[in-house]
Structures are given as C-alpha cells and as structure tokens.
Amino acid sequence: MLEVHQFPCLSDNYGYLLHDHQSQETVCIDTPDADEYLRQAGRKGWQITQIWNTHWHQDHAGGNAAIKAVTGCKVTAPKAEAERIAAVDRTVRPGDVVTIGDRKAVVIDVGGHTLGHIAYHLPGACIAFIGDSLFALGCGRMFEGTPRQFWTSLKHIKALPPETMLYCAHEYTESNARFALHADPDNLELAAYAEEIVRRRAKNLPTVPTKLERELKTNPFLRADDPALQARWGGGDAVATFAALRSAKDSF
C-alpha cells in the first residue's frame, strides 16, 4: 500500500513523497523545495510525518527546517553528514533501518558524490531512493569521494534485485544518454534506450524511475567491470575504468 508521488521542482530536480496508505504516514525523500513539497502534500491530502535525507547538498536538504516548522515531522539524515544538515532528529549509518508504517527501508552506503551519501532501499516494495549517487544512464559527479569509494558504492546498487526501481533526484537522462553512446557505441540495447529517452523528453515526460535491470545493461558507470568497456577505456580494472569514464563525462 505504498505510493510514490513524483513531481518536478527547482530547475531539474525531482521531488518524492512516499505515502503509506495503511498508516497514513508520508515521507519526504530529500527536500529541495519546501514550498513545493508542502503544496504537493496538500494537494494529495497527505500529512508529512518524516524526512529522509540522502546527503547534505542544498538541493536535497535545504527545505528541512521549513517543512519541519509547518508539519512537526521527524528528520533522518546520514550520520557522516549530519553537521551539515538542518533540523536533524535521527542519524543513520549504512545497515540501519528506517520505517514508514510497518514498511522497512535499509540504509545503503553510496558515498562518492559526497562522502556520506546514503540511499534508502525498501526491499518489500522493490524500490530504492538513490539521490545523486546514480542516475539513469549516468552517475553523480565525484565531488568528495575517490574512484574506489564510488565504484564500491555502485557495486552496492548493482547487488540489489534487478527488478528494483531506482528513484534518482534529477532529470539528466537525455544528456547522460549522449555520453553513454559515446562511451559504449556498440551497445544495441543502449541505442534503443536512448531513442526512447528522446521520444519521452520530446513529450516532456519523465525518464525516471528506471529499472536496475536495464541500467545494468546500458549504464556505462555500472559496467566499468565489463571487459569490453575496460578495453575501450584503457582501464585494466573496474576502478580505473570508472575513473576514466567519470573524468571523460566531466568534460564531455
């Protein structure tokens, strides 16, 4: 009985409200735009009871205090970044569990974009909220971490059930697809995926969430352990190949 309400906010963010119809709890997944989150919750007739932050960046935690002031909700944030996040009530580490109603979400370490970045995986619902760690056909910029840390984090995502729906935080897919085709030009499934993305964006339709199973076959950053990509990018191993891909994307 979980419902994810997705809506655009700021310039290219997606906001997410996770609602449990049985308990009537509603969780904000990050808070890029407090006014829009409150407006969307009001339209749905939902009372915001929690905030789950993935990392400290302003377009993910900037609305915490304003939403909490209106709703009295409880804020959960990564322990490693809690000093940089407003209005925190609970800190969590990888392996901890948070709940909405009787549904459990497991905290996953996805550091690399920021050092303490976390994701929330709800195994019973086959969904994961992954912030800026991974995008459809892309991954976050490596602002604070190292290639080894980031690749380890991506392996945590790769290990989730392939049917998991990944809710990332930005609509970057069309530009990501252009780089992915450059990185992996012989991937026929990627080519078909990229065409679908162009059609969806031409109609102003979202390209997320995305299914992990598809990303495993098409996202070059998840395929840094693939021998063909390693040969193309001169990496020798997955960490070096990931580093080469991330560096190339930064200047693409």
Protein backbone atom coordinates (compact mmCIF):
# COMPACT_ATOMS: atom_id res chain seq x y z
CA MET A 1 0.00 0.00 0.00
CA LEU A 2 2.92 2.35 -0.64
CA GLU A 3 2.53 5.16 -3.16
CA VAL A 4 5.34 7.29 -4.58
CA HIS A 5 4.25 10.74 -5.71
CA GLN A 6 6.86 12.22 -8.05
CA PHE A 7 6.94 15.85 -9.17
CA PRO A 8 9.45 18.27 -10.73
CA CYS A 9 10.92 21.08 -8.67
CA LEU A 10 13.73 23.64 -8.92
CA SER A 11 15.33 23.54 -12.37
CA ASP A 12 15.81 19.80 -12.87
CA ASN A 13 15.18 18.06 -9.53
CA TYR A 14 12.51 15.51 -8.81
CA GLY A 15 10.69 15.60 -5.51
CA TYR A 16 9.31 12.43 -3.98
CA LEU A 17 6.63 11.90 -1.36
CA LEU A 18 6.39 8.32 -0.12
CA HIS A 19 2.97 7.58 1.36
CA ASP A 20 1.77 4.53 3.28
CA HIS A 21 -2.00 4.27 2.90
CA GLN A 22 -2.36 1.98 5.90
CA SER A 23 -0.57 4.12 8.50
CA GLN A 24 -1.20 7.43 6.67
CA GLU A 25 2.47 8.33 7.13
CA THR A 26 4.16 10.41 4.45
CA VAL A 27 7.92 10.74 3.98
CA CYS A 28 9.69 13.46 2.03
CA ILE A 29 12.65 11.96 0.21
CA ASP A 30 15.03 14.92 0.42
CA THR A 31 13.72 18.49 0.45
CA PRO A 32 14.95 20.57 -2.49
CA ASP A 33 11.97 22.94 -2.40
CA ALA A 34 9.98 23.22 0.83
CA ASP A 35 7.09 25.19 -0.66
CA GLU A 36 6.56 22.72 -3.47
CA TYR A 37 6.71 19.72 -1.13
CA LEU A 38 4.12 21.29 1.15
CA ARG A 39 1.95 22.21 -1.84
CA GLN A 40 2.11 18.71 -3.31
CA ALA A 41 1.35 17.05 0.03
CA GLY A 42 -1.63 19.37 0.47
CA ARG A 43 -2.98 18.51 -2.96
CA LYS A 44 -2.77 14.82 -2.13
CA GLY A 45 -4.33 15.33 1.29
CA TRP A 46 -1.29 13.81 2.97
CA GLN A 47 0.32 14.83 6.26
CA ILE A 48 4.12 14.88 6.12
CA THR A 49 5.47 12.90 9.08
CA GLN A 50 9.11 12.28 8.14
CA ILE A 51 12.01 13.49 6.01
CA TRP A 52 14.71 11.09 4.81
CA ASN A 53 17.81 12.90 3.56
CA THR A 54 20.33 11.23 1.25
CA HIS A 55 23.12 13.83 1.54
CA TRP A 56 23.86 17.36 2.63
CA HIS A 57 23.64 19.36 -0.62
CA GLN A 58 21.21 22.29 -0.53
CA ASP A 59 19.04 20.88 -3.30
CA HIS A 60 18.49 17.80 -1.13
CA ALA A 61 18.30 19.11 2.43
CA GLY A 62 17.63 22.81 2.02
CA GLY A 63 13.92 22.57 2.84
CA ASN A 64 14.21 20.56 6.06
CA ALA A 65 13.69 23.37 8.55
CA ALA A 66 10.78 24.99 6.72
CA ILE A 67 8.88 21.72 6.27
CA LYS A 68 9.53 20.69 9.88
CA ALA A 69 8.30 24.07 11.13
CA VAL A 70 4.95 23.58 9.39
CA THR A 71 4.42 19.84 9.97
CA GLY A 72 6.44 18.86 13.05
CA CYS A 73 7.90 15.95 11.07
CA LYS A 74 10.99 14.00 12.12
CA VAL A 75 14.18 14.33 10.06
CA THR A 76 16.52 11.41 9.39
CA ALA A 77 19.93 12.10 7.86
CA PRO A 78 23.26 10.34 7.28
CA LYS A 79 25.36 10.42 10.43
CA ALA A 80 28.52 11.24 8.47
CA GLU A 81 26.96 14.47 7.16
CA ALA A 82 24.55 15.43 9.94
CA GLU A 83 26.55 18.51 11.00
CA ARG A 84 25.90 19.99 7.55
CA ILE A 85 22.14 19.25 7.53
CA ALA A 86 19.46 21.29 9.29
CA ALA A 87 16.87 20.14 11.83
CA VAL A 88 18.06 16.53 12.18
CA ASP A 89 16.29 14.29 14.73
CA ARG A 90 17.91 10.96 13.93
CA THR A 91 21.17 9.99 12.28
CA VAL A 92 21.66 6.71 10.47
CA ARG A 93 24.56 4.66 9.16
CA PRO A 94 24.68 2.05 6.41
CA GLY A 95 22.90 -1.07 7.61
CA ASP A 96 20.44 0.83 9.79
CA VAL A 97 16.71 0.54 9.16
CA VAL A 98 14.08 3.27 8.96
CA THR A 99 10.36 2.66 8.72
CA ILE A 100 7.21 4.10 7.24
CA GLY A 101 4.26 2.39 8.85
CA ASP A 102 5.33 -1.24 9.04
CA ARG A 103 7.48 -0.99 5.90
CA LYS A 104 11.24 -1.13 6.36
CA ALA A 105 13.89 0.72 4.40
CA VAL A 106 17.53 -0.32 4.67
CA VAL A 107 20.19 2.38 4.61
CA ILE A 108 22.88 1.75 1.98
CA ASP A 109 26.31 3.36 1.68
CA VAL A 110 26.56 5.10 -1.69
CA GLY A 111 29.32 7.60 -0.88
CA GLY A 112 31.35 9.20 -3.66
CA HIS A 113 29.27 12.15 -4.83
CA THR A 114 29.59 13.23 -1.20
CA LEU A 115 31.48 11.21 1.38
CA GLY A 116 28.48 10.23 3.49
CA HIS A 117 25.82 9.88 0.80
CA ILE A 118 23.26 7.18 1.58
CA ALA A 119 20.35 5.55 -0.21
CA TYR A 120 17.13 4.04 1.13
CA HIS A 121 16.14 0.60 -0.17
CA LEU A 122 12.65 -0.74 0.52
CA PRO A 123 13.05 -4.42 -0.39
CA GLY A 124 9.38 -5.24 0.17
CA ALA A 125 8.38 -2.66 -2.42
CA CYS A 126 11.30 -3.19 -4.84
CA ILE A 127 12.21 0.49 -4.79
CA ALA A 128 15.29 2.49 -3.81
CA PHE A 129 15.76 6.23 -3.41
CA ILE A 130 19.33 6.87 -4.50
CA GLY A 131 19.74 10.65 -4.54
CA ASP A 132 22.67 11.72 -6.71
CA SER A 133 24.70 8.51 -6.46
CA LEU A 134 23.35 7.04 -9.69
CA PHE A 135 21.21 8.48 -12.47
CA ALA A 136 19.50 6.87 -15.41
CA LEU A 137 22.47 6.19 -17.74
CA GLY A 138 24.79 8.21 -15.50
CA CYS A 139 26.12 8.79 -12.01
CA GLY A 140 26.78 11.80 -9.80
CA ARG A 141 29.83 13.97 -10.05
CA MET A 142 32.61 12.84 -7.74
CA PHE A 143 32.77 15.97 -5.58
CA GLU A 144 34.19 14.46 -2.39
CA GLY A 145 34.96 10.79 -2.83
CA THR A 146 37.53 8.70 -4.68
CA PRO A 147 37.04 6.41 -7.68
CA ARG A 148 37.48 3.35 -5.47
CA GLN A 149 34.88 4.56 -2.97
CA PHE A 150 32.42 5.49 -5.70
CA TRP A 151 32.83 2.19 -7.54
CA THR A 152 32.29 0.31 -4.28
CA SER A 153 29.09 2.29 -3.80
CA LEU A 154 27.89 1.45 -7.29
CA LYS A 155 28.52 -2.21 -6.54
CA HIS A 156 26.13 -1.87 -3.59
CA ILE A 157 23.47 -0.69 -6.04
CA LYS A 158 24.38 -3.38 -8.58
CA ALA A 159 23.78 -6.00 -5.88
CA LEU A 160 20.13 -5.01 -5.38
CA PRO A 161 17.46 -7.21 -7.01
CA PRO A 162 17.37 -6.42 -10.75
CA GLU A 163 13.67 -5.59 -10.61
CA THR A 164 14.35 -2.70 -8.20
CA MET A 165 13.02 0.63 -9.40
CA LEU A 166 15.61 3.36 -8.86
CA TYR A 167 14.37 6.83 -7.98
CA CYS A 168 17.16 9.30 -8.67
CA ALA A 169 16.96 13.00 -7.97
CA HIS A 170 17.45 14.76 -11.33
CA GLU A 171 16.24 14.70 -14.93
CA TYR A 172 19.65 14.32 -16.55
CA THR A 173 18.91 11.31 -18.71
CA GLU A 174 18.98 12.85 -22.17
CA SER A 175 22.45 14.33 -21.69
CA ASN A 176 23.59 11.16 -19.93
CA ALA A 177 22.45 9.13 -22.92
CA ARG A 178 24.62 11.17 -25.27
CA PHE A 179 27.70 10.39 -23.21
CA ALA A 180 26.71 6.75 -22.76
CA LEU A 181 26.51 6.33 -26.54
CA HIS A 182 29.96 7.89 -26.83
CA ALA A 183 31.32 5.60 -24.13
CA ASP A 184 29.70 2.40 -25.39
CA PRO A 185 28.79 2.86 -29.07
CA ASP A 186 28.31 -0.83 -29.89
CA ASN A 187 25.64 -1.43 -27.22
CA LEU A 188 22.43 -2.06 -29.17
CA GLU A 189 20.22 -2.09 -26.09
CA LEU A 190 21.66 1.28 -25.09
CA ALA A 191 20.91 2.68 -28.55
CA ALA A 192 17.27 1.62 -28.27
CA TYR A 193 17.04 3.04 -24.76
CA ALA A 194 18.49 6.37 -25.93
CA GLU A 195 15.89 6.63 -28.69
CA GLU A 196 13.13 6.00 -26.17
CA ILE A 197 14.52 8.74 -23.93
CA VAL A 198 14.49 11.28 -26.77
CA ARG A 199 10.85 10.45 -27.51
CA ARG A 200 9.85 10.78 -23.85
CA ARG A 201 11.63 14.09 -23.33
CA ALA A 202 10.11 15.48 -26.55
CA LYS A 203 6.75 14.98 -24.83
CA ASN A 204 8.12 16.42 -21.55
CA LEU A 205 7.69 13.05 -19.85
CA PRO A 206 9.99 11.90 -17.04
CA THR A 207 12.63 9.25 -17.67
CA VAL A 208 12.84 8.18 -14.02
CA PRO A 209 12.34 5.99 -12.13
CA THR A 210 14.42 3.48 -14.02
CA LYS A 211 14.70 -0.27 -13.50
CA LEU A 212 18.06 -1.55 -12.26
CA GLU A 213 17.92 -4.47 -14.69
CA ARG A 214 18.00 -2.05 -17.62
CA GLU A 215 20.70 0.13 -16.11
CA LEU A 216 22.94 -2.91 -15.59
CA LYS A 217 22.88 -3.49 -19.35
CA THR A 218 23.17 0.11 -20.53
CA ASN A 219 24.70 2.45 -17.92
CA PRO A 220 28.44 2.66 -18.59
CA PHE A 221 29.22 3.59 -14.99
CA LEU A 222 27.64 0.36 -13.76
CA ARG A 223 29.56 -1.57 -16.42
CA ALA A 224 33.08 -0.47 -15.51
CA ASP A 225 33.77 -4.14 -14.72
CA ASP A 226 32.88 -5.18 -18.28
CA PRO A 227 35.98 -6.32 -20.26
CA ALA A 228 34.84 -4.60 -23.45
CA LEU A 229 34.46 -1.23 -21.73
CA GLN A 230 37.75 -1.72 -19.92
CA ALA A 231 39.46 -2.37 -23.24
CA ARG A 232 37.85 0.68 -24.84
CA TRP A 233 38.72 2.99 -21.96
CA GLY A 234 42.14 1.58 -21.12
CA GLY A 235 41.23 0.87 -17.54
CA GLY A 236 42.69 -2.53 -16.66
CA ASP A 237 40.29 -2.89 -13.79
CA ALA A 238 36.89 -1.61 -12.73
CA VAL A 239 38.15 1.24 -10.54
CA ALA A 240 40.46 2.62 -13.22
CA THR A 241 37.76 2.27 -15.88
CA PHE A 242 35.21 4.01 -13.69
CA ALA A 243 37.72 6.83 -13.06
CA ALA A 244 38.34 7.21 -16.79
CA LEU A 245 34.64 7.30 -17.57
CA ARG A 246 33.87 9.81 -14.80
CA SER A 247 36.71 12.08 -15.92
CA ALA A 248 35.56 11.90 -19.53
CA LYS A 249 31.97 12.72 -18.56
CA ASP A 250 33.12 15.74 -16.56
CA SER A 251 34.46 17.37 -19.72
CA PHE A 252 32.07 15.87 -22.30
